[in-house]
């Protein structure tokens, strides 16, 4: 009988331990579920933060983009050893392109390479090997390359350059690119 009572008490203790372990297991499962929910919430918030960060980076990237315009195109010819402005295609030997880059406090400062493309129709007036890359990896032929020092303030430049090949009458479109992006365009007509 003593052995019976001993084992009965022992069984009761073990049942109590089992109930306590079940309660601890249930609490641990609840904590794990809460941790999983918290992890899901944190992951969702992190994704939201990453989306906002990406939007801000895009805005900063757009904000850093240089803007400006091609103000004027002047065609020059030589007559009796002197350079003079002309619109006669048979006399034109060089173009002068006046362009400006607007002030931008957050744009990257320093030396900038400006590419000028002169086109007649879809044909670029260029020399062999004169190519540069725009955003997206596409390569374009250019007519003239200009180097400027950009300090974040309004910057004007007006490079003159010889035009390779024979110049004929018609419309000439001029595109100016800086940092791989189109800065501006303008047109000139030669008769």
N, C-alpha and C. Protein backbone atom coordinates (compact mmCIF):
# COMPACT_ATOMS: atom_id res chain seq x y z
N UNK A 1 0.83 -1.19 0.00
CA UNK A 1 0.00 0.00 0.00
C UNK A 1 0.88 1.25 0.00
N UNK A 2 2.01 1.19 0.78
CA UNK A 2 2.92 2.32 0.81
C UNK A 2 3.50 2.57 -0.58
N UNK A 3 3.86 1.47 -1.24
CA UNK A 3 4.38 1.61 -2.61
C UNK A 3 3.32 2.23 -3.53
N UNK A 4 2.10 1.79 -3.35
CA UNK A 4 1.00 2.31 -4.15
C UNK A 4 0.84 3.80 -3.94
N UNK A 5 0.84 4.25 -2.68
CA UNK A 5 0.71 5.67 -2.37
C UNK A 5 1.90 6.46 -2.93
N UNK A 6 3.07 5.85 -2.79
CA UNK A 6 4.27 6.51 -3.29
C UNK A 6 4.15 6.74 -4.81
N UNK A 7 3.75 5.67 -5.54
CA UNK A 7 3.64 5.80 -6.99
C UNK A 7 2.48 6.70 -7.39
N UNK A 8 1.42 6.67 -6.58
CA UNK A 8 0.27 7.55 -6.85
C UNK A 8 0.68 9.02 -6.70
N UNK A 9 1.42 9.32 -5.64
CA UNK A 9 1.92 10.69 -5.42
C UNK A 9 2.92 11.08 -6.52
N UNK A 10 3.77 10.13 -6.87
CA UNK A 10 4.74 10.35 -7.94
C UNK A 10 4.02 10.63 -9.26
N UNK A 11 2.97 9.86 -9.54
CA UNK A 11 2.18 10.06 -10.77
C UNK A 11 1.51 11.43 -10.73
N UNK A 12 1.01 11.82 -9.56
CA UNK A 12 0.35 13.12 -9.42
C UNK A 12 1.36 14.25 -9.68
N UNK A 13 2.58 14.09 -9.15
CA UNK A 13 3.62 15.09 -9.37
C UNK A 13 3.97 15.19 -10.86
N UNK A 14 4.08 14.02 -11.49
CA UNK A 14 4.43 13.99 -12.92
C UNK A 14 3.30 14.62 -13.74
N UNK A 15 2.05 14.35 -13.38
CA UNK A 15 0.92 14.96 -14.09
C UNK A 15 0.95 16.48 -13.91
N UNK A 16 1.30 16.90 -12.70
CA UNK A 16 1.43 18.35 -12.46
C UNK A 16 2.55 18.95 -13.30
N UNK A 17 3.70 18.22 -13.39
CA UNK A 17 4.81 18.67 -14.23
C UNK A 17 4.39 18.74 -15.70
N UNK A 18 3.64 17.71 -16.14
CA UNK A 18 3.16 17.67 -17.53
C UNK A 18 2.26 18.87 -17.80
N UNK A 19 1.35 19.17 -16.88
CA UNK A 19 0.45 20.31 -17.06
C UNK A 19 1.25 21.63 -17.09
N UNK A 20 2.27 21.70 -16.23
CA UNK A 20 3.11 22.90 -16.21
C UNK A 20 3.89 23.03 -17.52
N UNK A 21 4.44 21.91 -18.04
CA UNK A 21 5.15 21.92 -19.31
C UNK A 21 4.22 22.28 -20.46
N UNK A 22 2.98 21.79 -20.42
CA UNK A 22 1.99 22.14 -21.44
C UNK A 22 1.72 23.64 -21.42
N UNK A 23 1.60 24.21 -20.23
CA UNK A 23 1.36 25.65 -20.09
C UNK A 23 2.55 26.44 -20.62
N UNK A 24 3.77 25.97 -20.28
CA UNK A 24 4.98 26.63 -20.78
C UNK A 24 5.07 26.53 -22.30
N UNK A 25 4.71 25.35 -22.84
CA UNK A 25 4.73 25.15 -24.29
C UNK A 25 3.73 26.10 -24.95
N UNK A 26 2.53 26.20 -24.37
CA UNK A 26 1.50 27.07 -24.90
C UNK A 26 1.98 28.54 -24.87
N UNK A 27 2.63 28.93 -23.78
CA UNK A 27 3.16 30.30 -23.67
C UNK A 27 4.28 30.53 -24.68
N UNK A 28 5.13 29.50 -24.87
CA UNK A 28 6.23 29.62 -25.84
C UNK A 28 5.68 29.74 -27.26
N UNK A 29 4.64 28.97 -27.57
CA UNK A 29 4.01 29.05 -28.89
C UNK A 29 3.40 30.43 -29.09
N UNK A 30 2.76 30.96 -28.05
CA UNK A 30 2.17 32.29 -28.13
C UNK A 30 3.26 33.34 -28.35
N UNK A 31 4.39 33.23 -27.61
CA UNK A 31 5.51 34.16 -27.79
C UNK A 31 6.09 34.06 -29.20
N UNK A 32 6.21 32.81 -29.71
CA UNK A 32 6.73 32.60 -31.06
C UNK A 32 5.79 33.23 -32.09
N UNK A 33 4.49 33.08 -31.88
CA UNK A 33 3.51 33.68 -32.79
C UNK A 33 3.59 35.21 -32.75
N UNK A 34 3.74 35.74 -31.53
CA UNK A 34 3.89 37.20 -31.39
C UNK A 34 5.17 37.67 -32.08
N UNK A 35 6.25 36.89 -31.91
CA UNK A 35 7.51 37.26 -32.55
C UNK A 35 7.38 37.19 -34.07
N UNK A 36 6.67 36.17 -34.57
CA UNK A 36 6.46 36.05 -36.01
C UNK A 36 5.62 37.22 -36.53
N UNK A 37 4.58 37.56 -35.78
CA UNK A 37 3.75 38.72 -36.16
C UNK A 37 4.57 40.01 -36.15
N UNK A 38 5.40 40.15 -35.10
CA UNK A 38 6.26 41.33 -35.01
C UNK A 38 7.25 41.36 -36.17
N UNK A 39 7.80 40.19 -36.52
CA UNK A 39 8.73 40.10 -37.65
C UNK A 39 8.03 40.48 -38.95
N UNK A 40 6.79 39.98 -39.13
CA UNK A 40 6.02 40.33 -40.33
C UNK A 40 5.77 41.84 -40.37
N UNK A 41 5.42 42.43 -39.23
CA UNK A 41 5.18 43.86 -39.16
C UNK A 41 6.45 44.64 -39.48
N UNK A 42 7.57 44.20 -38.90
CA UNK A 42 8.85 44.87 -39.17
C UNK A 42 9.24 44.74 -40.64
N UNK A 43 9.03 43.55 -41.22
CA UNK A 43 9.34 43.36 -42.63
C UNK A 43 8.49 44.28 -43.49
N UNK A 44 7.21 44.39 -43.16
CA UNK A 44 6.31 45.26 -43.90
C UNK A 44 6.76 46.72 -43.77
N UNK A 45 7.10 47.14 -42.56
CA UNK A 45 7.56 48.52 -42.36
C UNK A 45 8.88 48.77 -43.08
N UNK A 46 9.78 47.79 -43.07
CA UNK A 46 11.06 47.92 -43.77
C UNK A 46 10.82 48.06 -45.28
N UNK A 47 9.89 47.28 -45.81
CA UNK A 47 9.54 47.41 -47.23
C UNK A 47 8.98 48.80 -47.53
N UNK A 48 8.13 49.32 -46.64
CA UNK A 48 7.58 50.67 -46.81
C UNK A 48 8.70 51.71 -46.79
N UNK A 49 9.63 51.56 -45.84
CA UNK A 49 10.77 52.49 -45.74
C UNK A 49 11.61 52.42 -47.01
N UNK A 50 11.86 51.20 -47.51
CA UNK A 50 12.64 51.04 -48.75
C UNK A 50 11.93 51.69 -49.93
N UNK A 51 10.60 51.56 -49.99
CA UNK A 51 9.84 52.21 -51.06
C UNK A 51 9.99 53.73 -50.98
N UNK A 52 9.86 54.27 -49.78
CA UNK A 52 9.99 55.73 -49.59
C UNK A 52 11.42 56.17 -49.94
N UNK A 53 12.42 55.39 -49.50
CA UNK A 53 13.82 55.70 -49.80
C UNK A 53 14.05 55.71 -51.31
N UNK A 54 13.50 54.73 -52.02
CA UNK A 54 13.65 54.66 -53.47
C UNK A 54 12.99 55.87 -54.14
N UNK A 55 11.81 56.24 -53.66
CA UNK A 55 11.14 57.42 -54.22
C UNK A 55 11.98 58.68 -53.98
N UNK A 56 12.54 58.81 -52.78
CA UNK A 56 13.38 59.97 -52.47
C UNK A 56 14.65 59.97 -53.32
N UNK A 57 15.26 58.79 -53.50
CA UNK A 57 16.45 58.71 -54.34
C UNK A 57 16.13 59.12 -55.77
N UNK A 58 14.96 58.69 -56.28
CA UNK A 58 14.54 59.09 -57.62
C UNK A 58 14.36 60.60 -57.70
N UNK A 59 13.75 61.19 -56.65
CA UNK A 59 13.55 62.64 -56.65
C UNK A 59 14.88 63.37 -56.59
N UNK A 60 15.82 62.86 -55.78
CA UNK A 60 17.14 63.47 -55.70
C UNK A 60 17.85 63.34 -57.03
N UNK A 61 17.74 62.17 -57.65
CA UNK A 61 18.36 61.95 -58.95
C UNK A 61 17.80 62.93 -59.98
N UNK A 62 16.49 63.10 -59.98
CA UNK A 62 15.88 64.08 -60.88
C UNK A 62 16.31 65.49 -60.52
N UNK A 63 16.39 65.76 -59.22
CA UNK A 63 16.80 67.09 -58.77
C UNK A 63 18.23 67.42 -59.13
N UNK A 64 19.09 66.40 -59.19
CA UNK A 64 20.50 66.61 -59.52
C UNK A 64 20.72 66.78 -61.02
N UNK A 65 19.70 66.46 -61.79
CA UNK A 65 19.84 66.53 -63.25
C UNK A 65 20.02 67.98 -63.69
N UNK A 66 20.99 68.17 -64.56
CA UNK A 66 21.26 69.51 -65.07
C UNK A 66 20.24 69.87 -66.14
N UNK A 67 19.76 71.10 -66.07
CA UNK A 67 18.82 71.61 -67.06
C UNK A 67 19.42 72.85 -67.70
N UNK A 68 18.87 73.21 -68.81
CA UNK A 68 19.37 74.40 -69.50
C UNK A 68 18.72 74.52 -70.85
N UNK A 69 19.39 75.25 -71.72
CA UNK A 69 18.83 75.46 -73.06
C UNK A 69 19.93 75.79 -74.06
N UNK A 70 19.58 75.59 -75.32
CA UNK A 70 20.44 76.02 -76.41
C UNK A 70 19.88 77.36 -76.86
N UNK A 71 20.59 78.41 -76.54
CA UNK A 71 20.07 79.76 -76.76
C UNK A 71 20.15 80.19 -78.22
N UNK A 72 21.28 79.92 -78.87
CA UNK A 72 21.46 80.43 -80.21
C UNK A 72 22.48 79.59 -80.96
N UNK A 73 22.28 79.51 -82.28
CA UNK A 73 23.25 78.86 -83.16
C UNK A 73 23.65 79.90 -84.19
N UNK A 74 24.94 80.12 -84.32
CA UNK A 74 25.44 81.08 -85.30
C UNK A 74 26.29 80.32 -86.30
N UNK A 75 26.04 80.57 -87.58
CA UNK A 75 26.85 79.94 -88.62
C UNK A 75 27.87 80.96 -89.12
N UNK A 76 29.12 80.49 -89.22
CA UNK A 76 30.21 81.37 -89.60
C UNK A 76 30.83 80.91 -90.91
N UNK A 77 31.24 81.90 -91.70
CA UNK A 77 31.97 81.62 -92.93
C UNK A 77 33.17 82.54 -93.01
N UNK A 78 34.08 82.18 -93.88
CA UNK A 78 35.29 83.00 -94.03
C UNK A 78 35.23 83.70 -95.39
N UNK A 79 35.45 85.00 -95.35
CA UNK A 79 35.47 85.77 -96.59
C UNK A 79 36.63 86.75 -96.52
N UNK A 80 37.50 86.63 -97.48
CA UNK A 80 38.70 87.48 -97.54
C UNK A 80 39.51 87.42 -96.24
N UNK A 81 39.60 86.19 -95.70
CA UNK A 81 40.41 85.98 -94.50
C UNK A 81 39.76 86.38 -93.19
N UNK A 82 38.52 86.84 -93.25
CA UNK A 82 37.83 87.25 -92.02
C UNK A 82 36.61 86.37 -91.78
N UNK A 83 36.39 86.06 -90.50
CA UNK A 83 35.20 85.30 -90.11
C UNK A 83 34.01 86.24 -90.04
N UNK A 84 32.91 85.81 -90.66
CA UNK A 84 31.70 86.62 -90.56
C UNK A 84 30.50 85.71 -90.50
N UNK A 85 29.46 86.22 -89.89
CA UNK A 85 28.22 85.46 -89.76
C UNK A 85 27.53 85.40 -91.12
N UNK A 86 27.04 84.19 -91.47
CA UNK A 86 26.36 84.01 -92.75
C UNK A 86 25.33 82.89 -92.64
N UNK A 87 24.32 82.96 -93.51
CA UNK A 87 23.36 81.86 -93.56
C UNK A 87 23.41 81.17 -94.92
N UNK A 88 24.42 81.48 -95.71
CA UNK A 88 24.61 80.83 -97.02
C UNK A 88 25.39 79.54 -96.81
N UNK A 89 24.75 78.42 -97.11
CA UNK A 89 25.36 77.10 -96.86
C UNK A 89 26.70 76.96 -97.56
N UNK A 90 26.84 77.53 -98.73
CA UNK A 90 28.09 77.38 -99.48
C UNK A 90 29.27 78.07 -98.80
N UNK A 91 28.98 79.02 -97.91
CA UNK A 91 30.04 79.76 -97.24
C UNK A 91 30.30 79.28 -95.81
N UNK A 92 29.37 78.52 -95.25
CA UNK A 92 29.48 78.11 -93.84
C UNK A 92 30.58 77.08 -93.66
N UNK A 93 31.43 77.33 -92.68
CA UNK A 93 32.49 76.39 -92.34
C UNK A 93 32.46 75.97 -90.88
N UNK A 94 31.81 76.81 -90.06
CA UNK A 94 31.76 76.46 -88.63
C UNK A 94 30.47 76.97 -88.01
N UNK A 95 30.12 76.33 -86.90
CA UNK A 95 28.97 76.73 -86.10
C UNK A 95 29.48 77.21 -84.74
N UNK A 96 28.73 78.12 -84.18
CA UNK A 96 28.94 78.51 -82.78
C UNK A 96 27.61 78.24 -82.08
N UNK A 97 27.68 77.43 -81.03
CA UNK A 97 26.47 77.05 -80.30
C UNK A 97 26.53 77.69 -78.92
N UNK A 98 25.58 78.57 -78.64
CA UNK A 98 25.51 79.22 -77.34
C UNK A 98 24.47 78.46 -76.50
N UNK A 99 24.94 77.89 -75.40
CA UNK A 99 24.04 77.15 -74.51
C UNK A 99 24.28 77.58 -73.08
N UNK A 100 23.30 77.31 -72.23
CA UNK A 100 23.45 77.62 -70.81
C UNK A 100 22.98 76.44 -69.97
N UNK A 101 23.63 76.28 -68.85
CA UNK A 101 23.25 75.26 -67.86
C UNK A 101 22.77 76.02 -66.63
N UNK A 102 21.57 75.68 -66.17
CA UNK A 102 20.96 76.39 -65.04
C UNK A 102 21.64 76.02 -63.72
N UNK A 103 21.53 76.93 -62.76
CA UNK A 103 22.07 76.70 -61.42
C UNK A 103 21.35 75.52 -60.78
N UNK A 104 22.10 74.69 -60.08
CA UNK A 104 21.54 73.54 -59.37
C UNK A 104 22.45 73.24 -58.19
N UNK A 105 21.96 73.56 -56.99
CA UNK A 105 22.79 73.43 -55.79
C UNK A 105 23.11 71.99 -55.43
N UNK A 106 22.28 71.03 -55.85
CA UNK A 106 22.54 69.63 -55.45
C UNK A 106 23.18 68.80 -56.56
N UNK A 107 23.36 69.39 -57.73
CA UNK A 107 23.99 68.65 -58.84
C UNK A 107 25.47 68.42 -58.54
N UNK A 108 26.00 67.36 -59.13
CA UNK A 108 27.42 67.08 -58.99
C UNK A 108 28.22 68.20 -59.65
N UNK A 109 29.20 68.69 -58.93
CA UNK A 109 30.02 69.78 -59.44
C UNK A 109 31.32 69.22 -60.01
N UNK A 110 31.99 70.04 -60.79
CA UNK A 110 33.27 69.62 -61.35
C UNK A 110 33.27 69.72 -62.86
N UNK A 111 34.23 69.04 -63.47
CA UNK A 111 34.37 69.08 -64.92
C UNK A 111 33.26 68.28 -65.58
N UNK A 112 32.67 68.87 -66.61
CA UNK A 112 31.59 68.23 -67.35
C UNK A 112 31.98 68.20 -68.82
N UNK A 113 31.66 67.09 -69.45
CA UNK A 113 31.84 66.97 -70.89
C UNK A 113 30.49 67.19 -71.54
N UNK A 114 30.43 68.16 -72.44
CA UNK A 114 29.20 68.50 -73.14
C UNK A 114 29.37 68.03 -74.59
N UNK A 115 28.40 67.27 -75.07
CA UNK A 115 28.43 66.77 -76.44
C UNK A 115 27.40 67.52 -77.27
N UNK A 116 27.85 68.01 -78.42
CA UNK A 116 26.98 68.76 -79.32
C UNK A 116 26.80 67.93 -80.60
N UNK A 117 25.55 67.72 -80.94
CA UNK A 117 25.21 66.95 -82.14
C UNK A 117 24.56 67.90 -83.13
N UNK A 118 25.08 67.93 -84.34
CA UNK A 118 24.47 68.70 -85.42
C UNK A 118 23.93 67.68 -86.42
N UNK A 119 22.62 67.79 -86.71
CA UNK A 119 21.97 66.86 -87.63
C UNK A 119 21.32 67.61 -88.77
N UNK A 120 21.34 67.01 -89.91
CA UNK A 120 20.53 67.45 -91.03
C UNK A 120 19.64 66.27 -91.38
N UNK A 121 18.34 66.44 -91.13
CA UNK A 121 17.43 65.30 -91.24
C UNK A 121 17.76 64.32 -90.12
N UNK A 122 18.03 63.06 -90.49
CA UNK A 122 18.40 62.06 -89.47
C UNK A 122 19.90 61.79 -89.48
N UNK A 123 20.64 62.48 -90.35
CA UNK A 123 22.08 62.26 -90.48
C UNK A 123 22.86 63.21 -89.58
N UNK A 124 23.72 62.64 -88.75
CA UNK A 124 24.58 63.44 -87.87
C UNK A 124 25.85 63.83 -88.62
N UNK A 125 26.20 65.10 -88.52
CA UNK A 125 27.45 65.58 -89.11
C UNK A 125 28.54 65.27 -88.09
N UNK A 126 29.40 64.32 -88.42
CA UNK A 126 30.38 63.85 -87.45
C UNK A 126 31.61 63.32 -88.16
N UNK A 127 32.60 63.01 -87.36
CA UNK A 127 33.78 62.33 -87.85
C UNK A 127 33.79 60.92 -87.28
N UNK A 128 34.44 60.01 -87.95
CA UNK A 128 34.45 58.62 -87.52
C UNK A 128 35.04 58.48 -86.11
N UNK A 129 34.37 57.72 -85.29
CA UNK A 129 34.83 57.47 -83.92
C UNK A 129 34.34 58.47 -82.90
N UNK A 130 33.61 59.49 -83.33
CA UNK A 130 33.08 60.48 -82.40
C UNK A 130 31.76 59.94 -81.84
N UNK A 131 31.84 59.19 -80.74
CA UNK A 131 30.65 58.61 -80.12
C UNK A 131 30.69 58.81 -78.61
N UNK A 132 29.52 58.88 -78.02
CA UNK A 132 29.40 58.92 -76.56
C UNK A 132 28.17 58.13 -76.17
N UNK A 133 28.07 57.82 -74.88
CA UNK A 133 26.97 56.99 -74.37
C UNK A 133 26.00 57.83 -73.57
N UNK A 134 24.71 57.65 -73.85
CA UNK A 134 23.69 58.34 -73.07
C UNK A 134 23.11 57.36 -72.06
N UNK A 135 22.25 57.86 -71.16
CA UNK A 135 21.59 56.98 -70.19
C UNK A 135 20.89 55.86 -70.93
N UNK A 136 21.01 54.66 -70.40
CA UNK A 136 20.39 53.51 -71.05
C UNK A 136 21.38 52.74 -71.90
N UNK A 137 22.60 53.27 -72.05
CA UNK A 137 23.65 52.55 -72.76
C UNK A 137 23.69 52.78 -74.27
N UNK A 138 22.75 53.53 -74.82
CA UNK A 138 22.74 53.79 -76.26
C UNK A 138 23.89 54.73 -76.62
N UNK A 139 24.52 54.46 -77.77
CA UNK A 139 25.63 55.30 -78.23
C UNK A 139 25.14 56.23 -79.33
N UNK A 140 25.58 57.48 -79.24
CA UNK A 140 25.26 58.49 -80.24
C UNK A 140 26.54 59.07 -80.81
N UNK A 141 26.48 59.43 -82.09
CA UNK A 141 27.60 60.14 -82.71
C UNK A 141 27.45 61.62 -82.39
N UNK A 142 28.58 62.29 -82.21
CA UNK A 142 28.52 63.72 -81.91
C UNK A 142 29.40 64.49 -82.90
N UNK A 143 29.13 65.79 -82.98
CA UNK A 143 29.87 66.67 -83.88
C UNK A 143 31.02 67.36 -83.16
N UNK A 144 30.77 67.78 -81.91
CA UNK A 144 31.78 68.52 -81.15
C UNK A 144 31.65 68.18 -79.67
N UNK A 145 32.79 68.19 -79.00
CA UNK A 145 32.83 67.94 -77.55
C UNK A 145 33.38 69.17 -76.87
N UNK A 146 32.67 69.63 -75.84
CA UNK A 146 33.08 70.83 -75.10
C UNK A 146 33.32 70.44 -73.65
N UNK A 147 34.37 70.96 -73.05
CA UNK A 147 34.67 70.70 -71.63
C UNK A 147 34.39 71.98 -70.85
N UNK A 148 33.61 71.85 -69.77
CA UNK A 148 33.32 73.01 -68.93
C UNK A 148 33.54 72.65 -67.48
N UNK A 149 33.70 73.67 -66.65
CA UNK A 149 33.80 73.47 -65.20
C UNK A 149 32.49 73.98 -64.61
N UNK A 150 31.74 73.06 -64.01
CA UNK A 150 30.44 73.41 -63.45
C UNK A 150 30.56 73.52 -61.94
N UNK A 151 30.09 74.65 -61.38
CA UNK A 151 30.21 74.87 -59.94
C UNK A 151 28.85 75.01 -59.25
N UNK A 152 27.78 74.60 -59.93
CA UNK A 152 26.45 74.68 -59.33
C UNK A 152 25.71 75.97 -59.64
N UNK A 153 26.39 76.88 -60.31
CA UNK A 153 25.78 78.17 -60.66
C UNK A 153 25.46 78.20 -62.15
N UNK A 154 24.68 79.21 -62.56
CA UNK A 154 24.38 79.37 -63.98
C UNK A 154 25.69 79.40 -64.77
N UNK A 155 25.76 78.59 -65.80
CA UNK A 155 26.98 78.50 -66.60
C UNK A 155 26.61 78.65 -68.07
N UNK A 156 27.28 79.56 -68.75
CA UNK A 156 27.09 79.77 -70.18
C UNK A 156 28.36 79.37 -70.91
N UNK A 157 28.17 78.84 -72.12
CA UNK A 157 29.31 78.51 -72.96
C UNK A 157 28.89 78.72 -74.41
N UNK A 158 29.84 79.03 -75.24
CA UNK A 158 29.54 79.24 -76.66
C UNK A 158 30.71 78.77 -77.53
N UNK A 159 30.91 77.45 -77.58
CA UNK A 159 32.03 76.94 -78.37
C UNK A 159 31.77 77.10 -79.88
N UNK A 160 32.86 77.35 -80.60
CA UNK A 160 32.84 77.37 -82.07
C UNK A 160 33.59 76.14 -82.55
N UNK A 161 33.09 75.55 -83.63
CA UNK A 161 33.75 74.35 -84.14
C UNK A 161 33.51 74.23 -85.64
N UNK A 162 34.51 73.67 -86.31
CA UNK A 162 34.42 73.43 -87.75
C UNK A 162 33.47 72.28 -88.01
N UNK A 163 32.75 72.38 -89.11
CA UNK A 163 31.84 71.32 -89.52
C UNK A 163 32.52 70.44 -90.56
N UNK A 164 32.62 69.15 -90.30
CA UNK A 164 33.27 68.28 -91.29
C UNK A 164 32.34 68.04 -92.48
N UNK A 165 32.92 67.93 -93.65
CA UNK A 165 32.14 67.61 -94.84
C UNK A 165 31.56 68.83 -95.51
N UNK A 166 30.75 68.57 -96.52
CA UNK A 166 30.13 69.63 -97.31
C UNK A 166 28.81 70.03 -96.65
N UNK A 167 28.61 71.33 -96.51
CA UNK A 167 27.39 71.85 -95.91
C UNK A 167 26.44 72.26 -97.04
N UNK A 168 25.21 71.75 -96.98
CA UNK A 168 24.22 72.07 -98.00
C UNK A 168 23.11 72.89 -97.37
N UNK A 169 22.29 73.49 -98.21
CA UNK A 169 21.19 74.30 -97.67
C UNK A 169 20.15 73.38 -97.03
N UNK A 170 19.44 73.93 -96.04
CA UNK A 170 18.42 73.16 -95.34
C UNK A 170 18.40 73.46 -93.86
N UNK A 171 17.60 72.69 -93.15
CA UNK A 171 17.48 72.86 -91.70
C UNK A 171 18.51 71.98 -90.99
N UNK A 172 19.11 72.55 -89.95
CA UNK A 172 20.07 71.82 -89.12
C UNK A 172 19.57 71.86 -87.68
N UNK A 173 19.46 70.70 -87.10
CA UNK A 173 19.01 70.59 -85.71
C UNK A 173 20.24 70.37 -84.82
N UNK A 174 20.33 71.11 -83.73
CA UNK A 174 21.45 70.98 -82.80
C UNK A 174 20.92 70.48 -81.47
N UNK A 175 21.54 69.40 -80.96
CA UNK A 175 21.20 68.84 -79.65
C UNK A 175 22.43 68.95 -78.76
N UNK A 176 22.21 69.31 -77.49
CA UNK A 176 23.32 69.42 -76.54
C UNK A 176 23.04 68.45 -75.40
N UNK A 177 24.03 67.61 -75.09
CA UNK A 177 23.92 66.61 -74.03
C UNK A 177 24.97 66.89 -72.96
N UNK A 178 24.58 66.70 -71.70
CA UNK A 178 25.52 66.78 -70.58
C UNK A 178 25.13 65.69 -69.59
N UNK A 179 26.11 65.02 -69.01
CA UNK A 179 25.89 63.89 -68.10
C UNK A 179 25.01 62.81 -68.72
N UNK A 180 25.13 62.62 -70.03
CA UNK A 180 24.37 61.57 -70.70
C UNK A 180 22.90 61.88 -70.90
N UNK A 181 22.50 63.13 -70.66
CA UNK A 181 21.09 63.52 -70.79
C UNK A 181 20.99 64.75 -71.68
N UNK A 182 19.88 64.82 -72.41
CA UNK A 182 19.64 65.94 -73.31
C UNK A 182 19.43 67.21 -72.51
N UNK A 183 20.23 68.23 -72.80
CA UNK A 183 20.11 69.53 -72.14
C UNK A 183 19.16 70.44 -72.89
N UNK A 184 19.24 70.43 -74.21
CA UNK A 184 18.37 71.28 -75.01
C UNK A 184 18.63 71.11 -76.50
N UNK A 185 17.73 71.69 -77.30
CA UNK A 185 17.85 71.63 -78.74
C UNK A 185 17.54 73.00 -79.33
N UNK A 186 17.97 73.19 -80.55
CA UNK A 186 17.63 74.40 -81.30
C UNK A 186 17.84 74.08 -82.77
N UNK A 187 17.44 75.01 -83.63
CA UNK A 187 17.49 74.75 -85.05
C UNK A 187 18.00 75.98 -85.80
N UNK A 188 18.67 75.75 -86.91
CA UNK A 188 19.12 76.84 -87.78
C UNK A 188 18.85 76.42 -89.22
N UNK A 189 18.51 77.39 -90.03
CA UNK A 189 18.25 77.13 -91.44
C UNK A 189 19.30 77.85 -92.27
N UNK A 190 19.90 77.10 -93.18
CA UNK A 190 20.88 77.66 -94.10
C UNK A 190 20.28 77.65 -95.50
N UNK A 191 20.55 78.73 -96.23
CA UNK A 191 19.98 78.81 -97.59
C UNK A 191 21.05 78.57 -98.64
